[in-house]
N, C-alpha and C. Protein backbone atom coordinates (compact mmCIF):
# COMPACT_ATOMS: atom_id res chain seq x y z
N MET A 1 266.20 296.20 227.10
CA MET A 1 267.74 296.00 227.62
C MET A 1 267.84 296.53 227.94
N ALA A 2 268.48 297.17 229.60
CA ALA A 2 269.50 298.41 229.96
C ALA A 2 270.85 296.78 229.77
N ARG A 3 272.20 297.21 229.63
CA ARG A 3 273.43 296.66 229.48
C ARG A 3 273.13 295.79 231.01
N GLY A 4 273.80 294.86 230.86
CA GLY A 4 273.57 294.05 232.11
C GLY A 4 272.48 293.03 232.62
N GLU A 5 271.08 293.59 231.92
CA GLU A 5 270.51 293.07 232.24
C GLU A 5 269.42 291.63 231.74
N ASP A 6 270.59 291.56 230.58
CA ASP A 6 270.67 289.87 229.96
C ASP A 6 270.45 288.95 230.69
N GLU A 7 270.61 287.69 230.10
CA GLU A 7 270.92 286.44 230.91
C GLU A 7 271.93 286.05 231.52
N GLY A 8 272.93 286.42 230.41
CA GLY A 8 274.62 285.48 230.72
C GLY A 8 274.81 286.74 231.98
N SER A 9 274.50 287.99 231.60
CA SER A 9 274.88 288.82 233.04
C SER A 9 274.58 288.44 234.14
N TRP A 10 273.54 288.07 234.40
CA TRP A 10 272.41 287.39 235.54
C TRP A 10 273.82 285.88 235.54
N LEU A 11 274.07 285.42 235.39
CA LEU A 11 274.74 284.26 234.91
C LEU A 11 275.89 284.33 235.83
N HIS A 12 276.36 285.29 235.75
CA HIS A 12 278.14 285.98 235.41
C HIS A 12 277.59 286.49 237.13
N ALA A 13 277.21 286.69 237.19
CA ALA A 13 276.49 287.64 238.51
C ALA A 13 276.58 286.59 240.08
N GLY A 14 275.92 285.37 239.37
CA GLY A 14 275.51 284.62 239.73
C GLY A 14 276.74 283.69 240.35
N GLN A 15 277.88 283.38 239.52
CA GLN A 15 278.94 282.92 239.80
C GLN A 15 280.03 283.35 240.05
N ALA A 16 280.31 284.63 240.04
CA ALA A 16 280.32 285.95 241.08
C ALA A 16 280.10 285.86 242.17
N LEU A 17 279.02 285.68 242.70
CA LEU A 17 278.34 285.66 244.01
C LEU A 17 278.83 284.20 244.25
N GLN A 18 278.84 282.89 244.01
CA GLN A 18 279.00 282.16 244.18
C GLN A 18 280.72 281.78 245.38
N ARG A 19 281.45 282.61 244.32
CA ARG A 19 283.27 282.28 244.61
C ARG A 19 283.07 283.17 246.09
N ILE A 20 282.49 284.10 245.55
CA ILE A 20 282.30 285.07 246.77
C ILE A 20 281.91 284.76 248.45
N LEU A 21 280.90 284.24 248.31
CA LEU A 21 280.02 283.12 249.70
C LEU A 21 281.43 281.84 249.74
N LEU A 22 281.86 281.30 248.49
CA LEU A 22 282.44 280.17 249.32
C LEU A 22 283.82 280.68 249.80
N ARG A 23 284.14 281.73 249.55
CA ARG A 23 285.75 282.40 249.57
C ARG A 23 285.48 282.99 251.29
N ALA A 24 283.98 283.58 251.71
CA ALA A 24 283.66 283.75 252.93
C ALA A 24 283.52 282.75 253.84
N ALA A 25 282.94 282.20 253.44
CA ALA A 25 282.54 280.93 254.12
C ALA A 25 283.88 279.79 254.10
N SER A 26 284.96 280.03 253.84
CA SER A 26 286.13 279.29 254.40
C SER A 26 286.90 279.77 255.57
N ARG A 27 286.74 281.72 255.69
CA ARG A 27 287.40 281.88 256.63
C ARG A 27 286.49 282.79 257.60
N TRP A 28 285.55 281.99 257.97
CA TRP A 28 283.88 281.76 258.91
C TRP A 28 283.34 284.08 258.52
N VAL A 29 283.30 283.72 257.28
CA VAL A 29 282.22 284.66 257.48
C VAL A 29 281.12 284.90 257.30
N PHE A 30 279.79 285.69 257.98
CA PHE A 30 278.07 285.44 257.47
C PHE A 30 277.65 286.45 256.18
N ALA A 31 277.05 285.62 255.15
CA ALA A 31 276.81 287.00 254.37
C ALA A 31 275.13 287.07 254.88
N ARG A 32 274.26 288.19 253.96
CA ARG A 32 273.26 288.21 253.54
C ARG A 32 272.74 288.85 252.68
N LEU A 33 271.64 288.52 252.12
CA LEU A 33 271.76 288.16 250.62
C LEU A 33 270.12 289.76 250.55
N GLN A 34 270.07 290.57 249.87
CA GLN A 34 268.92 290.59 249.50
C GLN A 34 269.04 291.34 248.31
N THR A 35 267.65 290.95 247.19
CA THR A 35 266.85 291.42 246.70
C THR A 35 265.97 292.40 246.21
N GLN A 36 265.02 292.25 247.65
CA GLN A 36 263.98 292.70 247.32
C GLN A 36 263.72 294.57 247.24
N PRO A 37 264.31 294.84 247.19
CA PRO A 37 265.29 296.49 247.69
C PRO A 37 265.38 296.45 246.06
N LEU A 38 265.97 295.72 245.25
CA LEU A 38 266.47 296.38 243.88
C LEU A 38 264.79 295.91 242.92
N GLN A 39 263.63 294.95 243.45
CA GLN A 39 263.09 294.98 242.79
C GLN A 39 261.91 296.36 242.11
N SER A 40 262.48 296.81 242.70
CA SER A 40 261.31 299.03 242.80
C SER A 40 262.77 299.32 242.20
N ALA A 41 261.69 300.02 240.70
CA ALA A 41 262.89 300.19 239.65
C ALA A 41 263.56 301.76 240.16
N SER A 42 262.16 302.94 241.07
CA SER A 42 263.10 303.52 241.46
C SER A 42 264.62 303.48 242.34
N VAL A 43 263.90 302.81 243.06
CA VAL A 43 265.71 302.21 244.10
C VAL A 43 266.77 301.88 243.14
N ARG A 44 266.32 300.50 242.56
CA ARG A 44 267.11 300.66 241.46
C ARG A 44 268.14 301.10 241.03
N ALA A 45 267.16 302.30 239.67
CA ALA A 45 267.82 303.48 239.89
C ALA A 45 268.46 304.06 240.16
N GLN A 46 267.86 304.22 241.61
CA GLN A 46 269.18 305.56 242.77
C GLN A 46 270.57 304.50 243.03
N ILE A 47 270.42 303.10 243.23
CA ILE A 47 271.40 302.56 243.69
C ILE A 47 272.92 302.77 242.39
N ARG A 48 271.84 302.34 241.02
CA ARG A 48 272.78 302.41 240.11
C ARG A 48 273.09 303.59 239.25
N ALA A 49 272.33 304.50 239.67
CA ALA A 49 273.40 306.07 239.90
C ALA A 49 274.64 305.98 240.77
N SER A 50 274.49 305.83 241.49
CA SER A 50 275.67 305.64 243.01
C SER A 50 276.98 304.59 242.98
N LEU A 51 276.74 304.05 242.10
CA LEU A 51 277.59 302.93 241.41
C LEU A 51 278.86 304.02 240.78
N THR A 52 279.92 303.00 241.50
CA THR A 52 280.91 304.13 239.96
C THR A 52 282.28 302.74 239.11
N SER A 53 281.20 301.83 238.54
CA SER A 53 281.28 301.15 237.70
C SER A 53 280.03 301.17 236.86
N SER A 54 280.30 300.64 236.05
CA SER A 54 278.94 300.50 234.71
C SER A 54 278.50 299.05 235.29
N GLY A 55 277.03 298.97 235.04
CA GLY A 55 276.46 297.65 235.33
C GLY A 55 275.35 297.74 235.93
N CYS A 56 274.32 296.71 236.28
CA CYS A 56 273.36 297.09 236.76
C CYS A 56 273.36 296.12 238.63
N PRO A 57 272.88 296.10 239.11
CA PRO A 57 273.26 295.84 240.60
C PRO A 57 272.34 294.81 240.44
N GLN A 58 272.31 293.67 240.98
CA GLN A 58 271.85 292.37 241.17
C GLN A 58 271.58 291.88 242.34
N MET A 59 272.45 291.70 243.62
CA MET A 59 271.79 291.99 244.86
C MET A 59 272.53 292.77 245.85
N LEU A 60 272.34 292.57 247.02
CA LEU A 60 272.66 293.88 248.21
C LEU A 60 273.39 292.39 248.52
N LEU A 61 274.66 292.47 249.48
CA LEU A 61 274.89 291.85 249.95
C LEU A 61 275.64 292.56 251.01
N GLU A 62 275.42 291.86 252.45
CA GLU A 62 276.27 292.63 253.86
C GLU A 62 277.23 291.19 254.52
N LEU A 63 278.18 291.65 254.35
CA LEU A 63 279.56 290.51 255.51
C LEU A 63 279.98 291.29 256.45
N GLY A 64 279.92 290.16 257.41
CA GLY A 64 280.24 290.41 258.71
C GLY A 64 281.13 289.05 259.27
N VAL A 65 281.37 289.11 260.49
CA VAL A 65 282.46 288.39 261.33
C VAL A 65 281.44 288.08 262.94
N ALA A 66 280.94 286.55 263.03
CA ALA A 66 279.95 287.01 263.90
C ALA A 66 280.51 286.54 265.36
N ARG A 67 281.13 287.15 266.07
CA ARG A 67 282.38 287.11 267.36
C ARG A 67 281.81 286.40 268.17
N THR A 68 279.99 286.89 268.38
CA THR A 68 279.55 286.09 269.42
C THR A 68 278.91 284.80 269.37
N SER A 69 279.09 284.23 268.50
CA SER A 69 278.16 283.00 267.68
C SER A 69 278.79 282.00 269.17
N ARG A 70 277.44 281.00 269.44
CA ARG A 70 277.56 279.91 269.87
C ARG A 70 277.07 278.96 269.36
N PRO A 71 277.92 277.55 269.43
CA PRO A 71 277.45 276.79 268.95
C PRO A 71 275.75 275.72 269.23
N THR A 72 274.73 275.73 268.41
CA THR A 72 273.57 275.30 269.14
C THR A 72 273.52 274.34 268.94
N ALA A 73 272.58 273.93 270.70
CA ALA A 73 272.08 272.53 270.68
C ALA A 73 271.64 271.25 270.10
N ARG A 74 271.72 270.42 269.60
CA ARG A 74 271.78 269.09 268.61
C ARG A 74 270.62 268.07 269.65
N ARG A 75 269.61 267.43 268.82
CA ARG A 75 269.05 266.73 269.43
C ARG A 75 269.84 265.61 268.90
N PRO A 76 269.59 264.40 269.50
CA PRO A 76 270.31 262.85 270.00
C PRO A 76 269.99 262.60 268.39
N ALA A 77 270.67 261.35 267.64
CA ALA A 77 270.08 261.31 266.32
C ALA A 77 269.32 260.26 266.74
N GLY A 78 269.17 259.35 268.00
CA GLY A 78 267.80 257.98 268.34
C GLY A 78 266.67 259.00 268.59
N ASP A 79 266.66 259.94 268.73
CA ASP A 79 265.72 261.00 269.49
C ASP A 79 264.57 261.20 267.60
N LEU A 80 265.48 261.66 266.31
CA LEU A 80 265.03 261.74 265.28
C LEU A 80 264.87 260.51 263.97
N THR A 81 265.59 259.45 264.66
CA THR A 81 264.97 257.96 263.98
C THR A 81 264.60 257.01 264.19
N THR A 82 263.76 256.14 263.45
CA THR A 82 263.11 254.62 264.43
C THR A 82 263.36 253.99 263.64
N ASP A 83 263.23 252.69 264.07
CA ASP A 83 263.71 251.56 263.24
C ASP A 83 262.46 250.57 262.88
N ARG A 84 262.13 250.35 262.03
CA ARG A 84 261.57 249.71 261.24
C ARG A 84 261.20 248.44 260.47
């Protein structure tokens, strides 16, 4: 098993991701998460070779600010609940 591929490394990566996403959300920065490309051994090796730090890529993360988003319509609660 390569360095950074053990369960402890995955746990630390998840904790770091949680901190990043919470910080981003507090500033209205939206995230898109992708893991599917990393399931390919050749793609994973290419990304790992291009990293300047040691370790294994755990997830691809894209962050951005949506400047044109508008609130979405919501149905009244009475339309969704019933009295029994």
